[in-house]
Protein backbone atom coordinates (compact mmCIF):
# COMPACT_ATOMS: atom_id res chain seq x y z
CA MET A 1 0.00 0.00 0.00
CA ARG A 2 1.11 3.53 -0.59
CA ASN A 3 2.19 5.47 2.43
CA ALA A 4 -0.59 6.64 4.72
CA LEU A 5 -1.07 10.36 4.71
CA CYS A 6 -0.72 12.82 7.53
CA GLY A 7 -3.13 13.34 10.40
CA ALA A 8 -6.64 14.71 10.29
CA ALA A 9 -7.27 18.33 9.47
CA THR A 10 -8.86 20.59 12.05
CA GLU A 11 -10.46 23.98 11.82
CA ASP A 12 -7.20 25.71 12.81
CA SER A 13 -4.66 23.73 10.76
CA SER A 14 -4.12 22.93 7.09
CA ALA A 15 -4.00 19.34 5.87
CA ALA A 16 -0.51 18.47 4.62
CA ALA A 17 -1.79 15.67 2.38
CA PRO A 18 -4.99 14.64 0.57
CA SER A 19 -7.87 14.00 2.94
CA VAL A 20 -11.08 12.08 3.32
CA VAL A 21 -14.28 13.07 5.08
CA MET A 22 -14.60 11.66 8.59
CA GLY A 23 -17.73 9.56 9.22
CA ARG A 24 -19.30 6.16 8.63
CA GLY A 25 -19.10 6.45 4.86
CA TYR A 26 -20.55 8.02 1.79
CA GLY A 27 -24.00 9.46 2.10
CA ASP A 28 -23.78 10.49 5.76
CA ASP A 29 -25.53 13.68 6.81
CA LEU A 30 -22.47 15.81 7.58
CA ARG A 31 -24.34 18.80 8.98
CA SER A 32 -23.64 19.93 12.51
CA PRO A 33 -26.30 19.17 15.15
CA SER A 34 -27.40 22.82 15.11
CA GLU A 35 -27.84 22.70 11.34
CA ARG A 36 -30.01 19.55 11.50
CA GLY A 37 -32.61 21.31 13.66
CA GLY A 38 -35.84 19.73 14.51
CA GLY A 39 -27.81 29.31 -30.15
CA MET A 40 -26.45 29.84 -26.37
CA GLY A 41 -27.42 32.00 -23.52
CA LEU A 42 -24.79 33.77 -21.47
CA PHE A 43 -24.93 34.93 -17.85
CA ASP A 44 -24.26 38.64 -17.77
CA GLY A 45 -24.58 38.38 -21.52
CA LEU A 46 -24.55 42.07 -22.38
CA ARG A 47 -21.81 44.57 -21.73
CA ARG A 48 -21.94 48.09 -23.05
CA GLY A 49 -24.72 47.11 -25.42
CA ARG A 50 -22.85 44.26 -27.06
CA GLU A 51 -23.07 40.53 -26.47
CA ALA A 52 -20.07 39.12 -24.57
CA GLN A 53 -17.87 36.79 -26.55
CA PHE A 54 -16.05 33.83 -25.02
CA ASP A 55 -12.51 32.83 -25.85
CA SER A 56 -12.92 29.79 -28.05
CA GLY A 57 -9.51 29.33 -29.67
CA ASP A 58 -10.00 27.22 -32.76
CA ALA A 59 -13.61 27.55 -33.87
CA SER A 60 -13.51 24.06 -35.35
CA THR A 61 -13.20 22.54 -31.88
CA ASN A 62 -16.75 23.64 -30.94
CA ALA A 63 -15.60 24.58 -27.46
CA ILE A 64 -15.98 27.54 -25.12
CA GLU A 65 -13.05 28.42 -22.87
CA LEU A 66 -13.90 30.09 -19.58
CA THR A 67 -11.32 32.72 -18.68
CA LYS A 68 -10.83 35.42 -16.04
CA ARG A 69 -12.64 37.96 -18.22
CA ARG A 70 -15.42 35.63 -19.40
CA ALA A 71 -15.85 33.42 -16.37
CA GLN A 72 -19.37 32.01 -16.44
CA ILE A 73 -22.14 30.57 -18.55
CA SER A 74 -25.78 29.61 -17.99
CA LEU A 75 -26.58 26.01 -18.90
CA THR A 76 -30.27 26.86 -18.50
CA LYS A 77 -30.19 29.51 -21.23
CA GLN A 78 -28.20 27.12 -23.37
CA GLY A 79 -30.95 24.52 -23.03
CA ALA A 80 -28.50 22.12 -21.37
CA ALA A 81 -29.73 22.02 -17.76
CA THR A 82 -31.07 18.48 -18.07
CA GLY A 83 -29.57 15.05 -18.51
CA HIS A 84 -26.05 14.09 -17.53
CA LEU A 85 -23.33 16.73 -17.46
CA ARG A 86 -20.02 14.96 -18.08
CA VAL A 87 -16.93 16.47 -16.45
CA ASN A 88 -13.53 15.24 -17.64
CA LEU A 89 -10.03 15.85 -16.27
CA SER A 90 -7.07 15.22 -18.54
CA TRP A 91 -3.43 16.20 -18.23
CA ARG A 92 -0.18 15.99 -20.14
CA MET A 93 3.43 16.76 -19.28
CA ARG A 94 5.63 19.41 -20.87
CA THR A 95 8.68 18.06 -22.69
CA SER A 96 10.79 20.78 -21.05
CA ASP A 97 10.56 18.75 -17.83
CA PHE A 98 12.19 15.67 -19.29
CA GLY A 99 15.46 17.02 -20.75
CA GLY A 100 18.27 14.78 -21.94
CA SER A 101 18.26 13.40 -25.46
CA GLN A 102 14.81 14.80 -26.20
CA ARG A 103 16.26 18.31 -26.51
CA GLU A 104 18.09 19.23 -29.65
CA SER A 105 21.02 21.63 -29.68
CA LEU A 106 20.02 25.29 -29.89
CA LEU A 107 23.25 25.87 -31.80
CA ARG A 108 21.91 23.73 -34.64
CA HIS A 109 18.32 25.01 -34.32
CA PRO A 110 18.48 28.51 -32.78
CA PHE A 111 14.87 29.39 -33.59
CA ARG A 112 13.60 26.57 -31.38
CA ALA A 113 14.26 28.84 -28.41
CA LEU A 114 11.38 31.01 -29.59
CA LYS A 115 8.87 28.16 -29.55
CA PRO A 116 6.79 27.42 -26.43
CA PRO A 117 7.37 24.11 -24.65
CA GLU A 118 5.67 21.21 -26.38
CA VAL A 119 3.01 19.27 -24.57
CA VAL A 120 2.94 15.53 -25.08
CA GLY A 121 1.23 12.51 -23.61
CA HIS A 122 3.10 10.81 -20.83
CA SER A 123 3.42 7.37 -19.32
CA GLN A 124 4.36 5.99 -15.92
CA SER A 125 7.92 5.48 -17.14
CA MET A 126 8.33 9.21 -17.83
CA VAL A 127 6.96 10.69 -14.63
CA ASN A 128 4.88 9.63 -11.67
CA VAL A 129 1.95 12.03 -11.75
CA ASP A 130 -1.44 11.44 -10.20
CA LEU A 131 -4.07 14.16 -10.48
CA ASP A 132 -7.43 13.41 -8.93
CA LEU A 133 -10.83 14.88 -9.78
CA GLY A 134 -13.26 15.56 -6.95
CA CYS A 135 -16.44 17.43 -6.12
CA LEU A 136 -17.69 19.07 -2.95
CA TYR A 137 -21.49 19.06 -2.95
CA GLU A 138 -24.20 20.86 -1.04
CA LEU A 139 -27.83 19.92 -1.64
CA GLN A 140 -30.94 21.98 -1.07
CA ASP A 141 -31.84 19.89 2.01
CA GLY A 142 -28.57 20.99 3.66
CA SER A 143 -26.65 17.74 3.25
CA LYS A 144 -22.98 18.13 2.32
CA GLY A 145 -20.15 15.83 1.35
CA VAL A 146 -17.49 14.96 -1.18
CA VAL A 147 -17.12 12.73 -4.23
CA GLN A 148 -13.50 11.71 -4.84
CA PRO A 149 -11.30 8.64 -5.44
CA LEU A 150 -9.53 8.91 -2.09
CA GLY A 151 -11.57 6.99 0.46
CA GLY A 152 -13.75 5.42 -2.23
CA TYR A 153 -16.38 8.17 -2.24
CA PHE A 154 -17.48 7.57 -5.83
CA GLY A 155 -21.03 8.88 -5.47
CA ASP A 156 -24.27 8.09 -7.27
CA THR A 157 -26.18 9.70 -10.13
CA ASN A 158 -29.59 8.16 -9.37
CA ALA A 159 -29.59 9.09 -5.68
CA ALA A 160 -28.06 11.87 -3.60
CA PRO A 161 -25.69 13.56 -4.27
CA TYR A 162 -26.50 12.96 -7.99
CA VAL A 163 -22.77 13.08 -8.76
CA LYS A 164 -20.70 10.02 -9.65
CA LEU A 165 -17.01 9.52 -10.40
CA SER A 166 -16.36 6.85 -13.01
CA GLY A 167 -13.02 5.75 -11.55
CA ASP A 168 -9.48 6.77 -10.61
CA ASP A 169 -6.96 7.29 -13.42
CA ARG A 170 -3.51 7.17 -11.82
CA PHE A 171 -1.47 7.29 -15.00
CA GLY A 172 -2.95 10.09 -17.12
CA SER A 173 -4.49 7.92 -19.82
CA ALA A 174 -6.06 9.54 -22.87
CA SER A 175 -9.54 9.32 -21.33
CA GLY A 176 -8.45 10.90 -18.03
CA GLU A 177 -10.90 10.95 -15.11
CA THR A 178 -14.62 11.47 -15.65
CA MET A 179 -17.44 12.56 -13.39
CA TYR A 180 -21.17 12.62 -14.17
CA ILE A 181 -23.70 15.07 -12.74
CA ASN A 182 -27.40 14.24 -13.11
CA LEU A 183 -29.01 17.59 -13.86
CA ASP A 184 -32.47 16.00 -13.98
CA HIS A 185 -32.18 16.45 -10.19
CA ARG A 186 -31.05 20.08 -10.49
CA ASP A 187 -33.81 21.21 -8.10
CA SER A 188 -32.11 19.17 -5.37
CA ILE A 189 -28.68 20.69 -6.00
CA LYS A 190 -27.56 23.91 -4.32
CA ARG A 191 -23.89 24.06 -5.32
CA LEU A 192 -21.14 21.78 -6.60
CA LEU A 193 -17.44 22.67 -6.47
CA VAL A 194 -15.36 20.63 -8.90
CA PHE A 195 -11.72 20.50 -7.78
CA VAL A 196 -8.43 18.85 -8.70
CA TYR A 197 -5.69 17.85 -6.29
CA ILE A 198 -2.26 16.31 -6.66
CA TYR A 199 -1.71 13.05 -4.84
CA ASP A 200 1.31 12.49 -2.60
CA GLN A 201 4.82 12.82 -4.12
CA THR A 202 3.77 14.05 -7.57
CA PRO A 203 4.87 17.12 -9.59
CA ALA A 204 3.11 20.45 -9.16
CA PHE A 205 0.57 22.02 -11.48
CA ASP A 206 3.18 24.04 -13.33
CA ARG A 207 4.63 20.81 -14.75
CA ALA A 208 1.32 19.40 -15.97
CA HIS A 209 -0.96 20.91 -18.57
CA ALA A 210 -4.33 20.03 -17.03
CA ILE A 211 -7.71 20.71 -18.62
CA VAL A 212 -11.15 20.22 -17.10
CA THR A 213 -13.83 19.91 -19.78
CA LEU A 214 -17.59 19.98 -19.27
CA TYR A 215 -19.80 18.24 -21.83
CA PRO A 216 -23.39 19.50 -21.48
CA SER A 217 -26.36 17.65 -22.96
CA ASN A 218 -26.70 20.44 -25.52
CA GLY A 219 -24.34 22.96 -27.10
CA PRO A 220 -20.54 23.22 -27.14
CA ARG A 221 -18.29 21.80 -24.50
CA VAL A 222 -16.83 24.12 -21.86
CA GLU A 223 -13.10 24.13 -21.08
CA ILE A 224 -11.13 25.41 -18.09
CA HIS A 225 -7.35 25.35 -18.55
CA LEU A 226 -5.25 25.03 -15.41
CA ASP A 227 -2.14 26.57 -16.93
CA GLU A 228 -1.24 29.24 -14.39
CA ARG A 229 2.26 29.00 -12.96
CA GLN A 230 1.65 27.78 -9.41
CA PRO A 231 4.68 25.60 -8.62
CA GLN A 232 3.82 25.07 -4.94
CA ALA A 233 0.07 24.55 -5.30
CA ARG A 234 -1.33 21.14 -4.39
CA SER A 235 -5.04 21.69 -5.08
CA CYS A 236 -7.21 23.81 -7.33
CA ALA A 237 -10.87 24.78 -7.14
CA VAL A 238 -11.72 24.58 -10.82
CA VAL A 239 -15.38 25.37 -11.39
CA MET A 240 -18.52 26.07 -9.37
CA ILE A 241 -21.86 24.73 -10.59
CA GLU A 242 -24.77 26.22 -8.71
CA LYS A 243 -28.43 27.08 -8.93
CA VAL A 244 -28.94 30.85 -9.05
CA LYS A 245 -32.49 32.21 -9.50
CA ASN A 246 -33.68 29.00 -11.16
CA GLU A 247 -30.69 28.88 -13.49
CA ILE A 248 -27.81 26.41 -13.49
CA ILE A 249 -24.69 28.57 -13.65
CA VAL A 250 -21.20 27.30 -14.43
CA ARG A 251 -18.51 29.66 -13.09
CA ARG A 252 -14.76 29.37 -13.50
CA GLU A 253 -12.86 29.51 -10.20
CA ALA A 254 -9.28 28.37 -10.98
CA LYS A 255 -8.17 29.11 -7.40
CA PHE A 256 -4.93 27.36 -6.45
CA VAL A 257 -4.15 26.56 -2.81
CA TYR A 258 -1.10 25.10 -1.08
CA GLY A 259 -3.12 22.60 0.96
CA PHE A 260 -5.68 19.97 0.07
CA GLN A 261 -9.40 19.37 0.52
CA ALA A 262 -9.57 20.87 4.01
CA GLU A 263 -8.18 24.17 2.72
CA LEU A 264 -10.66 24.24 -0.17
CA ASP A 265 -13.40 23.48 2.35
CA ARG A 266 -12.45 26.49 4.48
CA LEU A 267 -12.07 28.73 1.44
CA TYR A 268 -15.65 28.05 0.34
CA GLY A 269 -17.23 27.50 3.75
CA TRP A 270 -18.31 23.86 3.45
CA GLY A 271 -17.74 23.01 7.11
CA LEU A 272 -16.84 19.31 6.79
CA GLN A 273 -14.42 17.40 9.01
CA TRP A 274 -11.43 15.85 7.24
CA GLY A 275 -9.21 12.93 8.17
CA ARG A 276 -6.21 11.08 6.77
CA GLY A 277 -6.53 9.06 3.59
CA TYR A 278 -4.49 6.79 1.36
CA LYS A 279 -4.59 4.79 -1.85
CA THR A 280 -3.77 1.13 -2.25
CA LYS A 281 -0.96 0.19 -4.61
CA VAL A 282 -2.02 -0.88 -8.10
CA ASP A 283 -0.13 -2.50 -10.95
CA ARG A 284 -0.35 -1.26 -14.49
């Protein structure tokens, strides 16, 4: 088994490694006792009289890229607030990290210095990288929790929390990691925070070109590129999906933190209790 991670996170300390929610298991009511008690539509679509345009890169890709300037979209106005919303995480490594014989002499090819680093697929033999996709959820009835590979909290699409992770990709395969959100139960959903974290002893985000892509039931896919230079970051809140005035809004977050799930929890006020977690060793 891989090494167990550090101790449980508390309200006053940051987790130094990926964490799991404390409790009997998935589906627990994690509220405190006091809480238990007895065409495409765009959000903020007009600016100075003109329709806002999203950065889409190559038009042939049929994709919308959410950026700092154009950070959100309404799935309701797009006619895509029903069915299963597929969320995919994929990542690749930059060749500049590998060095050695892969680099050609700049004396022979001086103009190569002007080209950006190439991004290529990677294998376990190149680098040991393990990015995990997760989701903090809060439902309209007040129940809260997490869907993530660590701890085996894979979720369910036909019952609460209506979010399910398809599996854990530890080697960055072409398909990456995929999560499904059942928007037919959108009236039961208050907010969902999709996040990515780096498992123990893996390179930082600045070495991996990670992309989270949302595939709605209708319209173009939505991309969030995690390409900011954050060499010390271990986790990233990628996108918030929430119900706002009867609309399902997708909003880019792209907030990098130095801790793990407990720090994201505090940043967004989820109020869960986190403990140590680990993964069992697998063979390719």
